[in-house]
Amino acid sequence: MLNAVGFIIILGCVFGSFMMAGGKMDIITHALPHELMAIGGAAIGAFIVGNSMATVKKAAGGLVRAFKGSRWKKTDYADLLTLLFQLLSTFKKGGATAIEPHLDNPHESSLFQPYPRIVKDHHLVEFIADYLRMMTVNFEDPHQIEAAMEADIEKHHHEELGPQHALQLMADGLPAIGIVAAVLGVIKTMGSIDQPTEILGAMIGGALVGTFLGVLLSYCVVGPLAAKLNETIEEDSKPFFIVKTAIVAYAQEVPVQVAIEIARRMTPSAYAPTFQQLETALDEAKNGLSAAAA
């Protein structure tokens, strides 16, 4: 919704100011279809040539993701911290034997099932399961697991940013593609140099629509969407750092509840539950674990 409001403001102010200054929209509307075809077609073609099919597909999904924004809401962060508390408490009490059934099939785990939005993020679920499994082989140095988790997060983050970088490169190239379209319009105009001044003026104006479109699409459409996608990817990576913080703290023999509190402090300020809210959620989780054990 916010993106739509932004685009309405852009188009309203750009074209509104043009018409208020006495500009004639008929020149733009006449040139728009073929200029847009030249610029859009060239940009999409260059995008396909310059990227793998996997990146192209992810970029299409990335545009949708940029409009939707981060998939993580405030309640999801509280749920993640609660889930980590339950997993680490189960691990502490029952060891590998108690935790492995939950890690082998999270979709049917009694610990994961109450949090369907977290389960849908299969990358995060695999990240949690993989490193808790690694904990069962008894890492003697917590720094080893911390280094491994940081490398894994960096790799995943790099792969997620691939489509965003591709879209940003597309945005950077659009002004130049607009110039290509404008030059074609000038060539067309030069072929009609014997026409009256009014016709030549309209043809030159139509040619300049190409430059206008290239710059507009670059700085007001594709560029902002690439920036929004980058922000969304950054926000969606926060849960991985929360998981890393909790597991590394537990590996350093910090009490489970303290490890979760340390992880809470890694939560983005706008989404972080308060100490009291988290304590209430953890008390409910403790009661649930006690009831399951009984």
Protein backbone atom coordinates (compact mmCIF):
# COMPACT_ATOMS: atom_id res chain seq x y z
CA MET A 1 0.00 0.00 0.00
CA LEU A 2 2.77 2.45 0.92
CA ASN A 3 4.53 1.77 -2.39
CA ALA A 4 1.33 2.51 -4.30
CA VAL A 5 0.94 5.83 -2.45
CA GLY A 6 4.52 6.71 -3.33
CA PHE A 7 4.03 5.98 -7.02
CA ILE A 8 0.81 8.04 -7.09
CA ILE A 9 2.68 10.98 -5.57
CA ILE A 10 5.51 10.60 -8.11
CA LEU A 11 3.25 10.46 -11.15
CA GLY A 12 0.89 13.14 -9.84
CA CYS A 13 3.64 15.62 -9.07
CA VAL A 14 5.74 14.95 -12.19
CA PHE A 15 2.94 15.11 -14.75
CA GLY A 16 0.89 17.60 -12.73
CA SER A 17 3.74 20.11 -12.68
CA PHE A 18 4.27 19.55 -16.41
CA MET A 19 0.64 20.36 -17.20
CA MET A 20 0.56 23.30 -14.78
CA ALA A 21 3.53 24.76 -16.64
CA GLY A 22 1.56 24.58 -19.89
CA GLY A 23 2.97 21.29 -21.17
CA LYS A 24 0.94 19.31 -23.68
CA MET A 25 0.32 15.70 -22.66
CA ASP A 26 -0.59 14.66 -26.20
CA ILE A 27 3.08 14.69 -27.22
CA ILE A 28 3.96 12.38 -24.31
CA THR A 29 0.98 10.07 -24.78
CA HIS A 30 1.72 9.77 -28.51
CA ALA A 31 5.39 8.90 -27.94
CA LEU A 32 4.90 6.84 -24.77
CA PRO A 33 4.00 3.43 -26.28
CA HIS A 34 6.94 3.05 -28.66
CA GLU A 35 9.44 4.76 -26.32
CA LEU A 36 8.32 2.49 -23.49
CA MET A 37 8.62 -0.52 -25.78
CA ALA A 38 12.18 0.44 -26.73
CA ILE A 39 13.33 1.23 -23.19
CA GLY A 40 11.44 -1.52 -21.38
CA GLY A 41 12.29 -4.15 -23.98
CA ALA A 42 15.98 -3.23 -24.03
CA ALA A 43 16.18 -3.15 -20.23
CA ILE A 44 14.45 -6.52 -19.82
CA GLY A 45 16.51 -8.07 -22.61
CA ALA A 46 19.76 -6.80 -21.09
CA PHE A 47 18.61 -8.06 -17.68
CA ILE A 48 18.05 -11.55 -19.10
CA VAL A 49 21.39 -11.53 -20.93
CA GLY A 50 23.30 -10.35 -17.86
CA ASN A 51 21.86 -12.77 -15.30
CA SER A 52 21.21 -16.46 -14.82
CA MET A 53 17.66 -17.77 -15.11
CA ALA A 54 17.64 -18.42 -11.36
CA THR A 55 18.43 -14.74 -10.71
CA VAL A 56 15.79 -13.61 -13.20
CA LYS A 57 13.13 -15.72 -11.46
CA LYS A 58 14.21 -14.54 -8.02
CA ALA A 59 14.17 -10.92 -9.21
CA ALA A 60 10.53 -11.30 -10.30
CA GLY A 61 9.71 -12.66 -6.86
CA GLY A 62 11.84 -9.92 -5.35
CA LEU A 63 9.66 -7.21 -6.90
CA VAL A 64 6.61 -8.80 -5.27
CA ARG A 65 8.57 -9.04 -2.03
CA ALA A 66 9.49 -5.33 -2.25
CA PHE A 67 5.79 -4.44 -2.43
CA LYS A 68 4.83 -6.75 0.44
CA GLY A 69 7.70 -5.74 2.73
CA SER A 70 9.25 -7.86 5.46
CA ARG A 71 7.42 -11.08 6.28
CA TRP A 72 8.39 -10.74 9.96
CA LYS A 73 5.95 -9.00 12.30
CA LYS A 74 6.26 -8.12 15.99
CA THR A 75 4.46 -11.24 17.17
CA ASP A 76 6.77 -13.40 15.04
CA TYR A 77 9.84 -12.21 16.94
CA ALA A 78 8.20 -13.02 20.27
CA ASP A 79 7.22 -16.44 18.89
CA LEU A 80 10.78 -17.08 17.69
CA LEU A 81 12.26 -16.27 21.10
CA THR A 82 9.69 -18.50 22.77
CA LEU A 83 10.40 -21.34 20.34
CA LEU A 84 14.15 -21.04 20.98
CA PHE A 85 13.50 -21.14 24.71
CA GLN A 86 11.46 -24.32 24.36
CA LEU A 87 14.04 -25.99 22.11
CA LEU A 88 17.01 -25.10 24.31
CA SER A 89 15.13 -26.07 27.50
CA THR A 90 14.25 -29.43 25.94
CA PHE A 91 17.88 -29.88 24.90
CA LYS A 92 19.16 -29.00 28.36
CA LYS A 93 16.79 -31.38 30.15
CA GLY A 94 16.79 -34.36 27.80
CA GLY A 95 19.90 -33.99 25.66
CA ALA A 96 20.14 -35.19 22.06
CA THR A 97 17.56 -37.92 22.55
CA ALA A 98 14.88 -35.38 23.51
CA ILE A 99 15.63 -32.73 20.89
CA GLU A 100 16.36 -34.80 17.77
CA PRO A 101 12.72 -35.87 17.04
CA HIS A 102 11.77 -32.18 16.89
CA LEU A 103 14.67 -31.37 14.56
CA ASP A 104 14.12 -34.33 12.24
CA ASN A 105 10.54 -33.37 11.42
CA PRO A 106 9.77 -29.78 12.50
CA HIS A 107 6.42 -29.73 10.64
CA GLU A 108 5.09 -32.42 12.99
CA SER A 109 6.96 -31.28 16.10
CA SER A 110 4.85 -30.25 19.06
CA LEU A 111 7.35 -27.44 19.67
CA PHE A 112 7.27 -26.01 16.13
CA GLN A 113 3.57 -26.53 15.33
CA PRO A 114 2.25 -23.61 17.43
CA TYR A 115 4.27 -21.25 15.22
CA PRO A 116 3.14 -21.88 11.61
CA ARG A 117 4.54 -18.56 10.31
CA ILE A 118 8.00 -19.55 11.50
CA VAL A 119 7.67 -23.06 10.07
CA LYS A 120 6.90 -21.53 6.65
CA ASP A 121 10.38 -19.96 6.63
CA HIS A 122 12.16 -23.21 5.73
CA HIS A 123 15.59 -21.54 5.55
CA LEU A 124 15.34 -20.40 9.15
CA VAL A 125 13.91 -23.72 10.35
CA GLU A 126 16.76 -25.61 8.65
CA PHE A 127 19.25 -23.16 10.16
CA ILE A 128 17.89 -23.80 13.67
CA ALA A 129 17.73 -27.58 13.18
CA ASP A 130 21.20 -27.90 11.63
CA TYR A 131 22.99 -26.02 14.38
CA LEU A 132 21.14 -27.65 17.22
CA ARG A 133 22.13 -30.99 15.65
CA MET A 134 25.72 -29.77 15.58
CA MET A 135 25.38 -28.99 19.28
CA THR A 136 24.57 -32.66 19.90
CA VAL A 137 28.05 -33.67 18.67
CA ASN A 138 29.48 -31.68 21.57
CA PHE A 139 31.34 -28.66 20.25
CA GLU A 140 34.04 -28.01 22.82
CA ASP A 141 34.73 -24.45 21.60
CA PRO A 142 31.61 -22.24 21.29
CA HIS A 143 33.57 -19.95 18.97
CA GLN A 144 33.64 -22.75 16.39
CA ILE A 145 29.87 -22.90 16.14
CA GLU A 146 29.67 -19.10 16.18
CA ALA A 147 32.08 -18.85 13.24
CA ALA A 148 30.18 -21.54 11.36
CA MET A 149 26.86 -19.76 11.92
CA GLU A 150 28.25 -16.39 10.83
CA ALA A 151 29.63 -17.94 7.62
CA ASP A 152 26.29 -19.62 6.93
CA ILE A 153 24.36 -16.37 7.48
CA GLU A 154 26.76 -14.46 5.24
CA LYS A 155 26.37 -17.04 2.47
CA HIS A 156 22.57 -17.00 2.69
CA HIS A 157 22.51 -13.19 2.79
CA HIS A 158 24.77 -12.96 -0.25
CA GLU A 159 22.49 -15.28 -2.22
CA GLU A 160 19.41 -13.31 -1.17
CA LEU A 161 20.99 -10.05 -2.34
CA GLY A 162 21.79 -11.37 -5.84
CA PRO A 163 18.44 -10.33 -7.40
CA GLN A 164 18.58 -6.98 -5.61
CA HIS A 165 22.00 -6.23 -7.09
CA ALA A 166 20.71 -7.22 -10.53
CA LEU A 167 17.72 -4.85 -10.20
CA GLN A 168 20.00 -2.04 -9.04
CA LEU A 169 22.23 -2.54 -12.08
CA MET A 170 19.12 -2.40 -14.25
CA ALA A 171 18.14 0.90 -12.61
CA ASP A 172 21.65 2.28 -13.17
CA GLY A 173 21.46 1.43 -16.88
CA LEU A 174 17.98 2.81 -17.60
CA PRO A 175 19.06 6.46 -18.15
CA ALA A 176 21.53 5.33 -20.82
CA ILE A 177 18.87 3.14 -22.46
CA GLY A 178 16.60 6.19 -22.45
CA ILE A 179 19.27 8.07 -24.37
CA VAL A 180 19.36 5.25 -26.92
CA ALA A 181 15.61 5.64 -27.44
CA ALA A 182 15.99 9.41 -27.68
CA VAL A 183 18.74 9.10 -30.30
CA LEU A 184 16.47 6.87 -32.38
CA GLY A 185 13.83 9.59 -32.17
CA VAL A 186 16.34 12.21 -33.30
CA ILE A 187 17.34 9.99 -36.23
CA LYS A 188 13.68 9.73 -37.17
CA THR A 189 13.33 13.51 -36.89
CA MET A 190 16.37 14.14 -39.12
CA GLY A 191 14.71 12.03 -41.79
CA SER A 192 11.82 14.48 -41.79
CA ILE A 193 13.87 17.69 -41.75
CA ASP A 194 11.80 19.13 -44.60
CA GLN A 195 8.65 19.18 -42.47
CA PRO A 196 7.21 22.37 -40.92
CA THR A 197 8.57 23.64 -37.63
CA GLU A 198 5.47 22.55 -35.69
CA ILE A 199 5.86 18.95 -36.81
CA LEU A 200 9.62 18.92 -36.17
CA GLY A 201 9.06 20.35 -32.69
CA ALA A 202 6.59 17.60 -31.86
CA MET A 203 8.95 14.95 -33.21
CA ILE A 204 11.89 16.28 -31.16
CA GLY A 205 9.63 16.45 -28.10
CA GLY A 206 8.62 12.84 -28.68
CA ALA A 207 12.28 11.84 -28.95
CA LEU A 208 13.07 13.52 -25.62
CA VAL A 209 10.33 11.42 -24.01
CA GLY A 210 12.82 8.53 -24.25
CA THR A 211 15.38 10.34 -22.09
CA PHE A 212 12.62 11.40 -19.69
CA LEU A 213 11.29 7.84 -19.34
CA GLY A 214 14.74 6.34 -18.81
CA VAL A 215 15.52 8.74 -15.97
CA LEU A 216 12.04 8.48 -14.45
CA LEU A 217 12.02 4.67 -14.47
CA SER A 218 15.55 4.54 -13.06
CA TYR A 219 15.27 6.97 -10.16
CA CYS A 220 11.55 6.82 -9.39
CA VAL A 221 10.57 3.20 -10.08
CA VAL A 222 13.23 0.49 -10.43
CA GLY A 223 15.83 2.16 -8.17
CA PRO A 224 13.43 2.68 -5.23
CA LEU A 225 12.08 -0.86 -5.62
CA ALA A 226 15.65 -2.23 -5.52
CA ALA A 227 16.31 -0.16 -2.39
CA LYS A 228 13.07 -1.42 -0.79
CA LEU A 229 14.01 -4.99 -1.63
CA ASN A 230 17.41 -4.48 -0.01
CA GLU A 231 15.73 -3.14 3.14
CA THR A 232 13.31 -6.08 3.17
CA ILE A 233 16.13 -8.61 2.82
CA GLU A 234 18.03 -6.91 5.64
CA GLU A 235 14.96 -7.07 7.90
CA ASP A 236 14.29 -10.71 7.05
CA SER A 237 17.87 -11.62 7.98
CA LYS A 238 17.48 -10.39 11.59
CA PRO A 239 15.93 -13.66 12.86
CA PHE A 240 19.07 -15.56 11.81
CA PHE A 241 21.18 -13.35 14.08
CA ILE A 242 18.71 -13.83 16.93
CA VAL A 243 19.00 -17.60 16.54
CA LYS A 244 22.78 -17.39 16.38
CA THR A 245 22.94 -15.26 19.52
CA ALA A 246 20.72 -17.63 21.52
CA ILE A 247 22.49 -20.82 20.45
CA VAL A 248 26.00 -19.41 20.93
CA ALA A 249 25.06 -18.08 24.38
CA TYR A 250 23.70 -21.51 25.31
CA ALA A 251 26.90 -23.13 24.00
CA GLN A 252 28.82 -20.85 26.35
CA GLU A 253 26.84 -22.44 29.22
CA VAL A 254 24.70 -19.39 29.84
CA PRO A 255 21.34 -20.30 31.47
CA VAL A 256 18.62 -20.77 28.86
CA GLN A 257 16.45 -17.86 29.99
CA VAL A 258 19.48 -15.55 30.06
CA ALA A 259 20.49 -16.73 26.58
CA ILE A 260 17.01 -15.84 25.31
CA GLU A 261 17.19 -12.43 26.98
CA ILE A 262 20.52 -11.79 25.25
CA ALA A 263 18.89 -12.79 21.95
CA ARG A 264 15.95 -10.46 22.67
CA ARG A 265 18.36 -7.57 22.66
CA MET A 266 19.26 -8.45 19.06
CA THR A 267 15.63 -7.96 17.99
CA PRO A 268 14.96 -4.74 15.98
CA SER A 269 13.76 -2.05 18.39
CA ALA A 270 10.44 -1.57 16.60
CA TYR A 271 9.58 -5.26 16.96
CA ALA A 272 11.26 -6.28 20.21
CA PRO A 273 8.99 -7.51 22.99
CA THR A 274 9.63 -5.87 26.33
CA PHE A 275 11.36 -7.77 29.11
CA GLN A 276 8.01 -8.25 30.87
CA GLN A 277 6.25 -9.40 27.68
CA LEU A 278 8.95 -11.95 26.99
CA GLU A 279 8.98 -13.15 30.59
CA THR A 280 5.22 -13.72 30.42
CA ALA A 281 5.57 -15.65 27.15
CA LEU A 282 8.39 -17.77 28.59
CA ASP A 283 6.37 -18.55 31.73
CA GLU A 284 3.59 -19.85 29.50
CA ALA A 285 6.15 -21.88 27.55
CA LYS A 286 7.50 -23.35 30.79
CA ASN A 287 4.01 -24.40 31.80
CA GLY A 288 3.53 -26.00 28.41
CA LEU A 289 6.79 -27.93 28.70
CA SER A 290 5.87 -29.07 32.22
CA ALA A 291 2.47 -30.28 31.03
CA ALA A 292 4.07 -32.14 28.10
CA ALA A 293 6.60 -33.79 30.41
CA ALA A 294 3.83 -34.85 32.78
